Every structure is written in structure tokens, then in C-alpha cells.
N, C-alpha and C. Protein backbone atom coordinates (compact mmCIF):
# COMPACT_ATOMS: atom_id res chain seq x y z
N UNK A 1 26.54 -22.66 -18.58
CA UNK A 1 25.34 -22.26 -19.29
C UNK A 1 25.00 -20.82 -18.92
N UNK A 2 24.81 -20.00 -19.91
CA UNK A 2 24.45 -18.60 -19.69
C UNK A 2 22.93 -18.46 -19.76
N UNK A 3 22.40 -17.67 -18.89
CA UNK A 3 20.97 -17.40 -18.86
C UNK A 3 20.71 -16.07 -19.54
N UNK A 4 19.81 -16.07 -20.51
CA UNK A 4 19.45 -14.82 -21.19
C UNK A 4 18.68 -13.92 -20.25
N UNK A 5 18.97 -12.64 -20.30
CA UNK A 5 18.27 -11.66 -19.49
C UNK A 5 17.29 -10.90 -20.38
N UNK A 6 16.04 -10.82 -19.96
CA UNK A 6 15.05 -10.06 -20.73
C UNK A 6 15.21 -8.57 -20.44
N UNK A 7 14.41 -7.75 -21.11
CA UNK A 7 14.52 -6.30 -20.96
C UNK A 7 14.32 -5.85 -19.51
N UNK A 8 13.36 -6.46 -18.83
CA UNK A 8 13.10 -6.08 -17.43
C UNK A 8 14.30 -6.40 -16.55
N UNK A 9 14.93 -7.56 -16.77
CA UNK A 9 16.11 -7.93 -15.99
C UNK A 9 17.29 -7.02 -16.31
N UNK A 10 17.45 -6.68 -17.57
CA UNK A 10 18.53 -5.77 -17.95
C UNK A 10 18.38 -4.41 -17.26
N UNK A 11 17.14 -3.94 -17.20
CA UNK A 11 16.88 -2.67 -16.52
C UNK A 11 17.11 -2.80 -15.01
N UNK A 12 16.58 -3.87 -14.43
CA UNK A 12 16.69 -4.07 -12.98
C UNK A 12 18.15 -4.16 -12.53
N UNK A 13 18.96 -4.87 -13.28
CA UNK A 13 20.35 -5.10 -12.89
C UNK A 13 21.33 -4.19 -13.64
N UNK A 14 20.84 -3.10 -14.19
CA UNK A 14 21.68 -2.22 -15.01
C UNK A 14 22.88 -1.67 -14.23
N UNK A 15 22.71 -1.40 -12.96
CA UNK A 15 23.84 -0.88 -12.16
C UNK A 15 24.91 -1.96 -11.96
N UNK A 16 24.49 -3.22 -11.81
CA UNK A 16 25.47 -4.31 -11.73
C UNK A 16 26.20 -4.43 -13.06
N UNK A 17 25.44 -4.37 -14.13
CA UNK A 17 25.99 -4.56 -15.47
C UNK A 17 27.01 -3.47 -15.81
N UNK A 18 26.82 -2.27 -15.29
CA UNK A 18 27.75 -1.18 -15.55
C UNK A 18 29.10 -1.37 -14.86
N UNK A 19 29.14 -2.18 -13.82
CA UNK A 19 30.41 -2.44 -13.12
C UNK A 19 31.30 -3.33 -13.98
N UNK A 20 32.53 -2.91 -14.24
CA UNK A 20 33.41 -3.72 -15.09
C UNK A 20 33.70 -5.11 -14.49
N UNK A 21 33.63 -5.24 -13.17
CA UNK A 21 33.87 -6.54 -12.54
C UNK A 21 32.72 -7.51 -12.76
N UNK A 22 31.55 -7.01 -13.09
CA UNK A 22 30.38 -7.88 -13.28
C UNK A 22 29.96 -7.91 -14.75
N UNK A 23 29.64 -6.81 -15.32
CA UNK A 23 29.14 -6.63 -16.69
C UNK A 23 28.00 -7.61 -17.01
N UNK A 24 27.61 -7.68 -18.24
CA UNK A 24 26.43 -8.51 -18.60
C UNK A 24 26.72 -10.00 -18.45
N UNK A 25 27.95 -10.41 -18.77
CA UNK A 25 28.29 -11.83 -18.63
C UNK A 25 28.24 -12.26 -17.16
N UNK A 26 28.71 -11.42 -16.27
CA UNK A 26 28.65 -11.73 -14.85
C UNK A 26 27.23 -11.81 -14.33
N UNK A 27 26.37 -10.91 -14.80
CA UNK A 27 24.96 -10.95 -14.36
C UNK A 27 24.27 -12.20 -14.90
N UNK A 28 24.64 -12.62 -16.09
CA UNK A 28 24.09 -13.87 -16.64
C UNK A 28 24.56 -15.07 -15.82
N UNK A 29 25.82 -15.03 -15.38
CA UNK A 29 26.32 -16.12 -14.53
C UNK A 29 25.58 -16.14 -13.19
N UNK A 30 25.30 -14.96 -12.64
CA UNK A 30 24.51 -14.91 -11.40
C UNK A 30 23.12 -15.51 -11.62
N UNK A 31 22.49 -15.19 -12.74
CA UNK A 31 21.15 -15.72 -13.03
C UNK A 31 21.17 -17.23 -13.19
N UNK A 32 22.29 -17.78 -13.63
CA UNK A 32 22.41 -19.23 -13.82
C UNK A 32 22.95 -19.93 -12.57
N UNK A 33 23.39 -19.16 -11.58
CA UNK A 33 24.04 -19.73 -10.39
C UNK A 33 23.05 -20.43 -9.46
N UNK A 34 23.60 -21.39 -8.71
CA UNK A 34 22.87 -22.09 -7.65
C UNK A 34 23.63 -21.90 -6.35
N UNK A 35 22.89 -21.56 -5.29
CA UNK A 35 23.51 -21.31 -3.99
C UNK A 35 22.74 -22.07 -2.92
N UNK A 36 23.47 -22.67 -1.98
CA UNK A 36 22.87 -23.32 -0.82
C UNK A 36 23.21 -22.49 0.40
N UNK A 37 22.19 -22.04 1.12
CA UNK A 37 22.39 -21.27 2.35
C UNK A 37 22.05 -22.19 3.53
N UNK A 38 23.00 -22.33 4.44
CA UNK A 38 22.80 -23.17 5.61
C UNK A 38 22.31 -22.29 6.75
N UNK A 39 21.04 -22.41 7.06
CA UNK A 39 20.42 -21.63 8.13
C UNK A 39 19.74 -20.38 7.61
N UNK A 40 18.52 -20.17 8.04
CA UNK A 40 17.74 -19.00 7.61
C UNK A 40 17.40 -18.14 8.82
N UNK A 41 18.31 -18.09 9.76
CA UNK A 41 18.09 -17.31 10.97
C UNK A 41 18.60 -15.90 10.85
N UNK A 42 19.23 -15.41 11.92
CA UNK A 42 19.67 -14.03 11.99
C UNK A 42 20.67 -13.64 10.91
N UNK A 43 21.57 -14.53 10.51
CA UNK A 43 22.52 -14.24 9.45
C UNK A 43 22.02 -14.71 8.09
N UNK A 44 21.45 -15.89 8.05
CA UNK A 44 21.00 -16.45 6.78
C UNK A 44 19.85 -15.68 6.14
N UNK A 45 18.97 -15.13 6.96
CA UNK A 45 17.81 -14.42 6.44
C UNK A 45 18.19 -13.24 5.54
N UNK A 46 19.05 -12.31 5.99
CA UNK A 46 19.42 -11.23 5.08
C UNK A 46 20.27 -11.70 3.91
N UNK A 47 21.08 -12.74 4.12
CA UNK A 47 21.88 -13.28 3.02
C UNK A 47 20.96 -13.76 1.89
N UNK A 48 19.90 -14.46 2.25
CA UNK A 48 18.95 -14.95 1.25
C UNK A 48 18.35 -13.80 0.45
N UNK A 49 17.94 -12.74 1.13
CA UNK A 49 17.34 -11.61 0.44
C UNK A 49 18.34 -10.89 -0.46
N UNK A 50 19.57 -10.75 0.00
CA UNK A 50 20.60 -10.11 -0.82
C UNK A 50 20.95 -10.96 -2.05
N UNK A 51 21.05 -12.26 -1.88
CA UNK A 51 21.32 -13.13 -3.03
C UNK A 51 20.21 -13.04 -4.06
N UNK A 52 18.97 -13.08 -3.59
CA UNK A 52 17.83 -12.97 -4.50
C UNK A 52 17.82 -11.62 -5.20
N UNK A 53 18.06 -10.57 -4.44
CA UNK A 53 18.07 -9.22 -5.01
C UNK A 53 19.20 -9.03 -6.01
N UNK A 54 20.32 -9.73 -5.82
CA UNK A 54 21.45 -9.62 -6.74
C UNK A 54 21.19 -10.36 -8.04
N UNK A 55 20.16 -11.24 -8.06
CA UNK A 55 19.82 -11.94 -9.28
C UNK A 55 20.25 -13.38 -9.35
N UNK A 56 20.64 -13.98 -8.21
CA UNK A 56 21.00 -15.40 -8.21
C UNK A 56 19.78 -16.21 -8.61
N UNK A 57 19.95 -17.12 -9.55
CA UNK A 57 18.83 -17.83 -10.15
C UNK A 57 18.16 -18.88 -9.28
N UNK A 58 18.94 -19.65 -8.54
CA UNK A 58 18.35 -20.72 -7.72
C UNK A 58 19.01 -20.71 -6.35
N UNK A 59 18.17 -20.58 -5.32
CA UNK A 59 18.67 -20.55 -3.95
C UNK A 59 17.98 -21.66 -3.16
N UNK A 60 18.79 -22.50 -2.53
CA UNK A 60 18.26 -23.55 -1.66
C UNK A 60 18.57 -23.18 -0.21
N UNK A 61 17.67 -23.61 0.69
CA UNK A 61 17.83 -23.30 2.10
C UNK A 61 17.80 -24.60 2.89
N UNK A 62 18.78 -24.78 3.76
CA UNK A 62 18.80 -25.93 4.67
C UNK A 62 18.64 -25.39 6.09
N UNK A 63 17.46 -25.59 6.65
CA UNK A 63 17.19 -25.13 8.02
C UNK A 63 15.94 -25.85 8.50
N UNK A 64 16.07 -26.65 9.55
CA UNK A 64 14.91 -27.40 10.05
C UNK A 64 14.31 -26.76 11.30
N UNK A 65 14.75 -25.55 11.64
CA UNK A 65 14.24 -24.86 12.81
C UNK A 65 12.89 -24.22 12.50
N UNK A 66 12.12 -23.94 13.55
CA UNK A 66 10.84 -23.25 13.40
C UNK A 66 10.93 -21.89 14.08
N UNK A 67 10.08 -20.98 13.65
CA UNK A 67 10.03 -19.65 14.24
C UNK A 67 9.35 -19.75 15.60
N UNK A 68 10.02 -19.25 16.64
CA UNK A 68 9.47 -19.26 17.99
C UNK A 68 9.38 -17.83 18.50
N UNK A 69 8.57 -17.64 19.50
CA UNK A 69 8.40 -16.32 20.09
C UNK A 69 9.73 -15.72 20.52
N UNK A 70 10.63 -16.55 21.02
CA UNK A 70 11.93 -16.06 21.49
C UNK A 70 12.86 -15.65 20.35
N UNK A 71 12.50 -15.99 19.09
CA UNK A 71 13.30 -15.61 17.93
C UNK A 71 12.96 -14.22 17.40
N UNK A 72 11.78 -13.72 17.68
CA UNK A 72 11.27 -12.55 16.98
C UNK A 72 12.08 -11.28 17.22
N UNK A 73 12.70 -11.11 18.37
CA UNK A 73 13.46 -9.88 18.59
C UNK A 73 14.71 -9.83 17.73
N UNK A 74 15.20 -10.98 17.26
CA UNK A 74 16.39 -11.02 16.41
C UNK A 74 16.05 -11.15 14.93
N UNK A 75 14.81 -11.42 14.62
CA UNK A 75 14.41 -11.68 13.23
C UNK A 75 13.53 -10.54 12.73
N UNK A 76 14.13 -9.49 12.27
CA UNK A 76 13.39 -8.30 11.87
C UNK A 76 12.51 -8.55 10.65
N UNK A 77 12.77 -9.62 9.88
CA UNK A 77 11.95 -9.90 8.71
C UNK A 77 10.85 -10.93 9.00
N UNK A 78 10.75 -11.37 10.23
CA UNK A 78 9.78 -12.42 10.58
C UNK A 78 8.56 -11.80 11.23
N UNK A 79 7.40 -12.15 10.73
CA UNK A 79 6.14 -11.63 11.27
C UNK A 79 5.69 -12.47 12.47
N UNK A 80 4.95 -11.84 13.34
CA UNK A 80 4.38 -12.49 14.52
C UNK A 80 3.59 -13.74 14.13
N UNK A 81 2.87 -13.67 13.02
CA UNK A 81 2.02 -14.79 12.58
C UNK A 81 2.83 -16.00 12.11
N UNK A 82 4.13 -15.85 11.93
CA UNK A 82 4.97 -16.94 11.43
C UNK A 82 5.37 -17.93 12.51
N UNK A 83 5.02 -17.68 13.76
CA UNK A 83 5.41 -18.58 14.84
C UNK A 83 4.93 -19.99 14.55
N UNK A 84 5.82 -20.96 14.77
CA UNK A 84 5.48 -22.37 14.57
C UNK A 84 5.72 -22.87 13.16
N UNK A 85 5.98 -21.99 12.22
CA UNK A 85 6.26 -22.41 10.84
C UNK A 85 7.76 -22.54 10.65
N UNK A 86 8.13 -23.36 9.68
CA UNK A 86 9.56 -23.53 9.44
C UNK A 86 10.11 -22.34 8.68
N UNK A 87 11.34 -21.99 9.00
CA UNK A 87 12.01 -20.89 8.30
C UNK A 87 12.35 -21.31 6.88
N UNK A 88 12.58 -22.60 6.67
CA UNK A 88 12.93 -23.11 5.36
C UNK A 88 11.83 -22.82 4.34
N UNK A 89 10.59 -22.80 4.76
CA UNK A 89 9.46 -22.52 3.86
C UNK A 89 9.23 -21.01 3.73
N UNK A 90 9.37 -20.27 4.81
CA UNK A 90 9.06 -18.85 4.81
C UNK A 90 10.05 -18.03 4.00
N UNK A 91 11.34 -18.30 4.12
CA UNK A 91 12.35 -17.47 3.45
C UNK A 91 12.26 -17.51 1.93
N UNK A 92 12.14 -18.69 1.30
CA UNK A 92 12.04 -18.68 -0.16
C UNK A 92 10.83 -17.89 -0.67
N UNK A 93 9.73 -17.91 0.05
CA UNK A 93 8.57 -17.12 -0.37
C UNK A 93 8.92 -15.64 -0.40
N UNK A 94 9.60 -15.17 0.63
CA UNK A 94 10.00 -13.76 0.67
C UNK A 94 10.95 -13.43 -0.48
N UNK A 95 11.87 -14.33 -0.77
CA UNK A 95 12.80 -14.09 -1.88
C UNK A 95 12.07 -14.00 -3.20
N UNK A 96 11.12 -14.90 -3.43
CA UNK A 96 10.36 -14.87 -4.69
C UNK A 96 9.50 -13.62 -4.80
N UNK A 97 8.99 -13.12 -3.67
CA UNK A 97 8.21 -11.88 -3.72
C UNK A 97 9.08 -10.71 -4.15
N UNK A 98 10.32 -10.66 -3.68
CA UNK A 98 11.20 -9.55 -4.05
C UNK A 98 11.82 -9.74 -5.43
N UNK A 99 12.05 -11.00 -5.83
CA UNK A 99 12.67 -11.30 -7.12
C UNK A 99 11.97 -12.50 -7.72
N UNK A 100 10.93 -12.30 -8.54
CA UNK A 100 10.15 -13.41 -9.08
C UNK A 100 10.96 -14.44 -9.90
N UNK A 101 12.06 -14.02 -10.52
CA UNK A 101 12.86 -14.95 -11.31
C UNK A 101 13.58 -15.97 -10.45
N UNK A 102 13.76 -15.67 -9.18
CA UNK A 102 14.51 -16.55 -8.26
C UNK A 102 13.68 -17.80 -7.97
N UNK A 103 14.33 -18.94 -7.95
CA UNK A 103 13.66 -20.21 -7.62
C UNK A 103 14.23 -20.76 -6.34
């Protein structure tokens, strides 16, 4: 199933679309894609943001860990106030803020 891209999405992803390896069909496939990321820690956190920024349509996160004080030096995207909250809830919110189309 191909996902239609509106004018704003075409403009946002225009550099991807210009690449012959991706083009408009590839960007539509990214918009229709589903990805599961295992872990939202030091490696998973930037992966989630890059996937959302690339235009992946649906991203799921599997991580039952919580943000602890000892995590903050390795988690550059995690705020001090996030201590005690699950990473599984925090990461998707950040992805949606950067890319509203992402679910």
C-alpha cells in the first residue's frame, strides 16, 4: 500500500525524493512502513529520531526500562524531569514532536 504525500511532505522530503535510490515511490514506502525498535536507550533513542525524521509512518518501541539518574550522562535527549518515567512513553512523544505524521 502506497501512502500519498501531501505538499508539505513533498517539500520536507524533497532531498530524499531527489535521490535515485529513493525517489517518490521510496518515500511513499517509508511513509507506509512499520518499524519495531527494541530498546529506547543510548542506541535506540537516536535511531527512533532518525526513523521519524526520515518519514517512517509507524514506529513501535519495546522497552520496559525507566529513566534513572544514572542514565542521564548517556542519554543526551533525556531531560532531568524524565526520571522515573518509562522510555517507551517518552520516545514516541519526541518523535511525534519532530514529525507529526509519525505514529
